[in-house]
Amino acid sequence: MSRTSSRFTRSIARSGARRRTALLALPAAILLALVPTSASAYPNPGTVTGSTVVHDPTMIRTSSGQYLLYATGGGLGHKTSSNRIAFSAGSDAFGTRPSWWSAYATEAWAPDISYQGGKYLMYYALSTFGSNKSAIGLAASTTGLPGSWSDYGTVYTSTASSDYNAIDPNLFVDSDGKWWLSFGSWWTGLKMIQINPSTGKQLSTNTTRYSIASRPTGTKAVEAPSIVKRNGYYYLFASYDTCCAGTSSTYKVKVGRATSVTGPYYDKNGIAMTNNGGTPVLESHGRYIGPGGQSIMADSDGDLIVYHYYDGQDNGTPKLGINLLNWSTGWPVAY
């Protein structure tokens, strides 16, 4: 996440996402006809109203049907929605920030929320612009609401001499009950470690740090992994190129898939994601510039890709985007 913390205080306004009910009623043949064939054909995020001040959003739906969204900045910014359209701002996850944060940063980045074993878990990152002195932290809550989070300290760290960066965490729980945490950006790319479900931290009997995506030639810009399993494959989503530069942002989301959670992941053309591979899922199109910082969420009407983009018709203001994903071809397509 080669991101400057000053971006957290930029003027971030409203808007963002949605396709919805009419598309869900269409037969598969028509949905396939909607598959984009070029960047200009990507779907628009639609309309999100209310408070949509986000970078790197992560979202979950509670048993009561309420959507909880957390995002980069401060003590991890919080929003709620009852319908995935109108969002209301709440207080930060942490009213009082854990004291250990000060060794790495003053604000937290790129949270990842999930519900495991009767409680909400949130992994998050701490770092500063251009530095790989970073840390991944963990918090837990029985409600998922601000003020209820108990912090459990560091999960994984990197130093100025590391060839990886401990940021942008994403927890994946496999069908066999094993937990995996992917993370990282730039330097030697995206990594993965195995997690002990009892502690939420690295499994002591497997200390391997797996490499799952990298760009060995040219720019090193790959970050923000998200992993899901669909139809027997593991899919790795990642953000590529430059974030957080307004209308100059070149961010985009790409994907690869594997038959093992630790890889190797390959794109649609058979190129390894450890060798500059990745099939585009979302790219800049029209006014919607630099989509990325994505998370994938399973909802009642399908899988969602939740992300931020920069509005070319609003001075590059970062806004919330939400699209459904169609898996009919074996590869995720946003619509």
Protein backbone atom coordinates (compact mmCIF):
# COMPACT_ATOMS: atom_id res chain seq x y z
CA MET A 1 0.00 0.00 0.00
CA SER A 2 2.27 2.77 -1.18
CA ARG A 3 -0.08 5.37 0.29
CA THR A 4 0.60 8.61 2.07
CA SER A 5 -1.24 9.10 5.32
CA SER A 6 -2.05 12.65 4.23
CA ARG A 7 -4.53 11.20 1.76
CA PHE A 8 -6.72 10.18 4.67
CA THR A 9 -7.57 13.83 5.27
CA ARG A 10 -8.26 14.71 1.65
CA SER A 11 -11.71 15.93 0.78
CA ILE A 12 -13.51 12.65 0.24
CA ALA A 13 -17.12 13.07 -0.78
CA ARG A 14 -20.17 10.99 -1.57
CA SER A 15 -21.37 8.56 -4.12
CA GLY A 16 -20.58 5.13 -5.31
CA ALA A 17 -22.44 1.97 -6.27
CA ARG A 18 -25.09 -0.23 -7.58
CA ARG A 19 -26.65 -2.29 -10.29
CA ARG A 20 -29.42 -4.24 -8.61
CA THR A 21 -32.77 -6.02 -8.93
CA ALA A 22 -33.48 -5.66 -12.65
CA LEU A 23 -30.16 -7.30 -13.54
CA LEU A 24 -30.65 -10.08 -11.02
CA ALA A 25 -33.86 -11.07 -12.81
CA LEU A 26 -32.14 -11.49 -16.17
CA PRO A 27 -31.33 -14.98 -17.53
CA ALA A 28 -27.71 -16.09 -17.66
CA ALA A 29 -27.49 -15.70 -21.44
CA ILE A 30 -28.29 -12.01 -21.17
CA LEU A 31 -25.92 -11.56 -18.25
CA LEU A 32 -23.11 -13.04 -20.33
CA ALA A 33 -23.91 -10.56 -23.07
CA LEU A 34 -23.17 -7.84 -20.52
CA VAL A 35 -19.59 -9.04 -19.98
CA PRO A 36 -17.29 -6.07 -20.70
CA THR A 37 -15.00 -6.41 -23.69
CA SER A 38 -12.98 -3.26 -23.05
CA ALA A 39 -12.23 -0.82 -20.28
CA SER A 40 -14.85 1.59 -21.63
CA ALA A 41 -17.49 -1.14 -21.28
CA TYR A 42 -17.04 -1.61 -17.53
CA PRO A 43 -20.18 -1.04 -15.46
CA ASN A 44 -20.71 2.25 -13.68
CA PRO A 45 -20.92 2.14 -9.88
CA GLY A 46 -24.38 3.70 -9.87
CA THR A 47 -25.65 5.75 -6.94
CA VAL A 48 -24.69 5.55 -3.28
CA THR A 49 -26.09 8.25 -1.04
CA GLY A 50 -25.36 9.77 2.33
CA SER A 51 -21.93 9.45 3.92
CA THR A 52 -19.49 7.63 1.64
CA VAL A 53 -16.12 8.88 2.92
CA VAL A 54 -13.95 5.84 2.26
CA HIS A 55 -10.68 4.42 1.10
CA ASP A 56 -10.11 0.65 1.14
CA PRO A 57 -13.64 -0.29 2.28
CA THR A 58 -14.53 -3.60 3.90
CA MET A 59 -18.17 -4.50 4.51
CA ILE A 60 -20.23 -7.18 6.20
CA ARG A 61 -23.96 -7.81 6.67
CA THR A 62 -25.16 -8.62 10.17
CA SER A 63 -27.84 -11.16 11.09
CA SER A 64 -30.30 -8.26 11.42
CA GLY A 65 -29.62 -7.21 7.82
CA GLN A 66 -27.60 -4.10 8.62
CA TYR A 67 -24.45 -3.42 6.63
CA LEU A 68 -21.33 -2.44 8.58
CA LEU A 69 -18.57 -0.75 6.61
CA TYR A 70 -15.10 0.11 7.90
CA ALA A 71 -12.39 1.94 5.99
CA THR A 72 -8.92 3.46 6.07
CA GLY A 73 -8.15 6.45 8.26
CA GLY A 74 -8.24 7.64 11.85
CA GLY A 75 -9.16 4.87 14.26
CA LEU A 76 -10.79 3.03 11.33
CA GLY A 77 -13.81 4.92 10.00
CA HIS A 78 -17.25 3.33 10.30
CA LYS A 79 -20.51 3.56 8.36
CA THR A 80 -23.80 1.72 8.29
CA SER A 81 -26.53 1.09 5.73
CA SER A 82 -29.82 -0.77 5.77
CA ASN A 83 -30.03 -1.21 2.01
CA ARG A 84 -26.52 -0.97 0.53
CA ILE A 85 -27.44 2.40 -0.97
CA ALA A 86 -27.84 5.02 1.78
CA PHE A 87 -24.87 5.13 4.16
CA SER A 88 -24.64 6.93 7.50
CA ALA A 89 -21.40 7.86 9.23
CA GLY A 90 -20.58 6.60 12.71
CA SER A 91 -17.69 7.03 15.07
CA ASP A 92 -14.34 5.28 14.57
CA ALA A 93 -13.89 1.67 15.61
CA PHE A 94 -11.37 2.85 18.19
CA GLY A 95 -12.26 5.98 20.15
CA THR A 96 -8.96 5.57 21.98
CA ARG A 97 -6.27 4.20 19.71
CA PRO A 98 -4.08 1.40 21.10
CA SER A 99 -0.79 2.75 22.42
CA TRP A 100 1.34 0.35 20.36
CA TRP A 101 0.15 2.03 17.13
CA SER A 102 2.50 4.97 17.70
CA ALA A 103 5.52 2.83 16.85
CA TYR A 104 4.21 2.52 13.29
CA ALA A 105 1.66 5.25 12.49
CA THR A 106 -1.04 7.48 13.90
CA GLU A 107 -3.84 6.18 11.70
CA ALA A 108 -4.91 2.69 10.60
CA TRP A 109 -5.26 1.42 7.03
CA ALA A 110 -7.15 -1.14 5.02
CA PRO A 111 -9.30 -3.04 7.56
CA ASP A 112 -10.72 -6.50 6.85
CA ILE A 113 -13.87 -7.51 8.73
CA SER A 114 -15.34 -11.01 9.04
CA TYR A 115 -17.53 -13.00 11.42
CA GLN A 116 -15.92 -16.09 12.89
CA GLY A 117 -16.96 -18.28 15.81
CA GLY A 118 -19.63 -15.95 17.16
CA LYS A 119 -17.62 -12.74 17.00
CA TYR A 120 -16.46 -10.12 14.53
CA LEU A 121 -12.77 -10.02 13.70
CA MET A 122 -11.00 -7.09 12.13
CA TYR A 123 -7.46 -7.20 10.82
CA TYR A 124 -5.92 -3.85 9.89
CA ALA A 125 -2.60 -2.27 8.95
CA LEU A 126 -0.34 0.47 10.30
CA SER A 127 2.35 2.12 8.22
CA THR A 128 3.50 5.39 6.65
CA PHE A 129 3.99 6.45 3.04
CA GLY A 130 6.72 4.58 1.20
CA SER A 131 7.81 2.61 4.27
CA ASN A 132 7.83 -1.12 4.87
CA LYS A 133 8.20 -0.64 8.61
CA SER A 134 4.62 -1.81 9.07
CA ALA A 135 2.37 -3.92 11.25
CA ILE A 136 -0.85 -5.88 10.96
CA GLY A 137 -3.09 -5.72 14.02
CA LEU A 138 -6.17 -7.66 15.14
CA ALA A 139 -9.30 -6.65 17.02
CA ALA A 140 -12.47 -8.53 18.01
CA SER A 141 -16.02 -7.54 18.93
CA THR A 142 -19.30 -9.27 19.73
CA THR A 143 -21.33 -6.59 17.95
CA GLY A 144 -18.99 -5.16 15.30
CA LEU A 145 -19.91 -1.63 16.37
CA PRO A 146 -17.59 1.27 17.26
CA GLY A 147 -16.44 1.29 20.86
CA SER A 148 -16.90 -2.46 21.25
CA TRP A 149 -13.58 -3.56 19.75
CA SER A 150 -10.94 -5.25 21.92
CA ASP A 151 -7.48 -4.97 20.42
CA TYR A 152 -5.16 -7.99 20.40
CA GLY A 153 -1.99 -6.28 19.26
CA THR A 154 0.30 -7.24 16.41
CA VAL A 155 -0.21 -10.25 14.19
CA TYR A 156 2.68 -9.75 11.78
CA THR A 157 5.29 -7.04 11.19
CA SER A 158 7.87 -5.95 8.67
CA THR A 159 10.91 -3.73 9.11
CA ALA A 160 12.88 -1.30 6.98
CA SER A 161 15.15 -4.19 5.99
CA SER A 162 12.31 -6.56 5.00
CA ASP A 163 11.69 -7.41 1.35
CA TYR A 164 7.93 -7.43 1.93
CA ASN A 165 5.38 -5.14 3.57
CA ALA A 166 3.00 -6.20 6.37
CA ILE A 167 -0.09 -4.25 5.27
CA ASP A 168 -3.49 -4.76 3.58
CA PRO A 169 -4.51 -7.95 5.45
CA ASN A 170 -7.29 -10.28 4.31
CA LEU A 171 -8.47 -13.33 6.25
CA PHE A 172 -9.62 -16.39 4.32
CA VAL A 173 -11.19 -19.37 6.12
CA ASP A 174 -11.14 -22.52 4.02
CA SER A 175 -13.78 -25.25 3.96
CA ASP A 176 -11.39 -27.54 5.85
CA GLY A 177 -11.33 -25.09 8.78
CA LYS A 178 -7.83 -23.75 8.10
CA TRP A 179 -7.27 -19.99 8.35
CA TRP A 180 -5.00 -18.01 6.04
CA LEU A 181 -3.99 -14.35 6.04
CA SER A 182 -2.86 -12.72 2.80
CA PHE A 183 -1.22 -9.28 2.87
CA GLY A 184 1.36 -7.01 1.35
CA SER A 185 2.31 -4.73 -1.49
CA TRP A 186 5.22 -3.52 -3.57
CA TRP A 187 8.72 -4.82 -2.76
CA THR A 188 8.52 -8.59 -3.45
CA GLY A 189 4.73 -8.61 -3.65
CA LEU A 190 1.81 -10.27 -1.90
CA LYS A 191 2.37 -12.83 0.85
CA MET A 192 0.37 -15.33 2.90
CA ILE A 193 0.73 -16.97 6.29
CA GLN A 194 -1.32 -19.62 8.07
CA ILE A 195 -3.34 -18.44 11.08
CA ASN A 196 -4.20 -20.27 14.30
CA PRO A 197 -8.02 -20.07 14.63
CA SER A 198 -7.68 -20.09 18.42
CA THR A 199 -5.55 -16.95 18.57
CA GLY A 200 -6.08 -15.18 15.24
CA LYS A 201 -2.29 -15.01 14.92
CA GLN A 202 0.29 -17.01 12.98
CA LEU A 203 0.18 -20.76 13.46
CA SER A 204 3.34 -21.74 15.35
CA THR A 205 3.64 -25.07 13.56
CA ASN A 206 3.70 -23.43 10.13
CA THR A 207 5.83 -20.28 9.93
CA THR A 208 6.15 -20.32 6.13
CA ARG A 209 5.59 -16.99 4.40
CA TYR A 210 4.16 -17.89 0.99
CA SER A 211 4.53 -15.65 -2.06
CA ILE A 212 1.27 -15.41 -4.03
CA ALA A 213 1.70 -12.43 -6.40
CA SER A 214 4.54 -10.18 -7.51
CA ARG A 215 5.87 -8.08 -10.37
CA PRO A 216 9.51 -9.08 -10.77
CA THR A 217 10.04 -6.77 -13.76
CA GLY A 218 8.97 -3.17 -14.12
CA THR A 219 6.89 -1.55 -11.41
CA LYS A 220 6.43 -3.43 -8.14
CA ALA A 221 2.97 -1.96 -7.69
CA VAL A 222 0.65 -4.73 -6.52
CA GLU A 223 -1.24 -4.65 -3.23
CA ALA A 224 -4.50 -5.28 -1.33
CA PRO A 225 -5.12 -9.03 -1.73
CA SER A 226 -8.60 -10.52 -1.30
CA ILE A 227 -9.18 -14.28 -1.58
CA VAL A 228 -12.43 -16.20 -2.10
CA LYS A 229 -13.23 -19.77 -3.09
CA ARG A 230 -15.79 -20.42 -5.82
CA ASN A 231 -16.56 -23.54 -7.86
CA GLY A 232 -13.50 -25.43 -6.67
CA TYR A 233 -11.01 -22.62 -7.34
CA TYR A 234 -9.33 -20.09 -5.09
CA TYR A 235 -9.49 -16.59 -6.58
CA LEU A 236 -6.97 -13.91 -5.67
CA PHE A 237 -8.06 -10.31 -6.30
CA ALA A 238 -5.43 -7.58 -6.05
CA SER A 239 -5.02 -3.86 -6.77
CA TYR A 240 -2.36 -2.87 -9.29
CA ASP A 241 -0.50 0.38 -10.06
CA THR A 242 -0.95 3.81 -8.44
CA CYS A 243 -3.57 4.67 -5.83
CA CYS A 244 -4.54 7.90 -4.19
CA ALA A 245 -3.54 10.41 -6.87
CA GLY A 246 -6.99 11.69 -7.75
CA THR A 247 -7.57 11.83 -11.50
CA SER A 248 -3.96 10.75 -12.03
CA SER A 249 -4.60 7.43 -10.25
CA THR A 250 -3.94 4.33 -12.36
CA TYR A 251 -5.28 1.80 -9.85
CA LYS A 252 -7.09 -1.25 -11.22
CA VAL A 253 -8.29 -4.62 -9.90
CA LYS A 254 -7.01 -7.89 -11.36
CA VAL A 255 -7.61 -11.54 -10.49
CA GLY A 256 -6.02 -14.96 -10.82
CA ARG A 257 -7.08 -18.40 -9.65
CA ALA A 258 -5.48 -21.53 -8.20
CA THR A 259 -6.35 -25.05 -7.09
CA SER A 260 -4.49 -24.54 -3.80
CA VAL A 261 -4.95 -21.62 -1.43
CA THR A 262 -1.20 -20.98 -1.33
CA GLY A 263 -1.01 -20.93 -5.13
CA PRO A 264 0.31 -20.81 -7.70
CA TYR A 265 -2.30 -18.38 -9.02
CA TYR A 266 -2.67 -17.91 -12.78
CA ASP A 267 -4.65 -15.44 -14.84
CA LYS A 268 -7.03 -16.24 -17.70
CA ASN A 269 -4.09 -16.42 -20.12
CA GLY A 270 -2.11 -18.82 -17.94
CA ILE A 271 0.37 -16.22 -16.71
CA ALA A 272 1.43 -16.65 -13.09
CA MET A 273 0.54 -13.87 -10.71
CA THR A 274 4.08 -14.15 -9.39
CA ASN A 275 5.24 -13.12 -12.87
CA ASN A 276 3.20 -9.96 -13.59
CA GLY A 277 -0.01 -11.91 -14.29
CA GLY A 278 -3.57 -10.86 -13.57
CA THR A 279 -6.86 -10.69 -15.49
CA PRO A 280 -8.60 -7.28 -15.25
CA VAL A 281 -11.82 -7.08 -13.23
CA LEU A 282 -12.18 -3.29 -12.94
CA GLU A 283 -10.20 -0.52 -14.64
CA SER A 284 -10.64 3.20 -15.20
CA HIS A 285 -13.54 4.03 -17.51
CA GLY A 286 -15.11 7.39 -18.17
CA ARG A 287 -15.41 9.44 -15.00
CA TYR A 288 -14.60 6.42 -12.80
CA ILE A 289 -10.86 6.55 -12.30
CA GLY A 290 -8.52 4.23 -10.44
CA PRO A 291 -10.87 1.64 -8.91
CA GLY A 292 -9.20 -0.48 -6.23
CA GLY A 293 -8.65 -1.08 -2.54
CA GLN A 294 -11.25 -3.78 -3.01
CA SER A 295 -12.85 -6.36 -0.77
CA ILE A 296 -15.18 -9.19 -1.78
CA MET A 297 -18.37 -9.80 0.16
CA ALA A 298 -20.94 -12.60 -0.22
CA ASP A 299 -24.45 -11.17 0.09
CA SER A 300 -27.92 -12.67 -0.28
CA ASP A 301 -28.14 -11.71 -3.95
CA GLY A 302 -24.59 -12.64 -4.94
CA ASP A 303 -20.97 -11.65 -4.46
CA LEU A 304 -20.09 -7.97 -4.22
CA ILE A 305 -16.87 -6.19 -5.04
CA VAL A 306 -16.62 -3.18 -2.73
CA TYR A 307 -13.99 -0.57 -3.62
CA HIS A 308 -13.12 3.08 -3.98
CA TYR A 309 -12.62 5.08 -7.16
CA TYR A 310 -11.87 8.71 -8.09
CA ASP A 311 -14.56 10.81 -9.73
CA GLY A 312 -13.24 12.53 -12.84
CA GLN A 313 -16.23 14.87 -12.83
CA ASP A 314 -15.74 15.89 -9.20
CA ASN A 315 -12.07 16.93 -8.99
CA GLY A 316 -10.93 13.36 -8.41
CA THR A 317 -12.89 12.97 -5.18
CA PRO A 318 -12.64 9.39 -3.87
CA LYS A 319 -16.03 7.66 -3.74
CA LEU A 320 -17.51 4.32 -2.79
CA GLY A 321 -18.19 1.72 -5.49
CA ILE A 322 -20.17 -1.50 -5.17
CA ASN A 323 -20.81 -3.94 -8.01
CA LEU A 324 -22.16 -7.48 -8.19
CA LEU A 325 -19.95 -10.20 -9.66
CA ASN A 326 -21.06 -12.74 -12.26
CA TRP A 327 -19.13 -16.05 -12.16
CA SER A 328 -20.83 -17.71 -15.18
CA THR A 329 -17.64 -17.90 -17.25
CA GLY A 330 -15.51 -19.26 -14.40
CA TRP A 331 -13.96 -15.81 -13.99
CA PRO A 332 -15.49 -12.92 -12.01
CA VAL A 333 -17.10 -10.21 -14.11
CA ALA A 334 -18.45 -7.03 -12.55
CA TYR A 335 -21.93 -5.87 -13.60
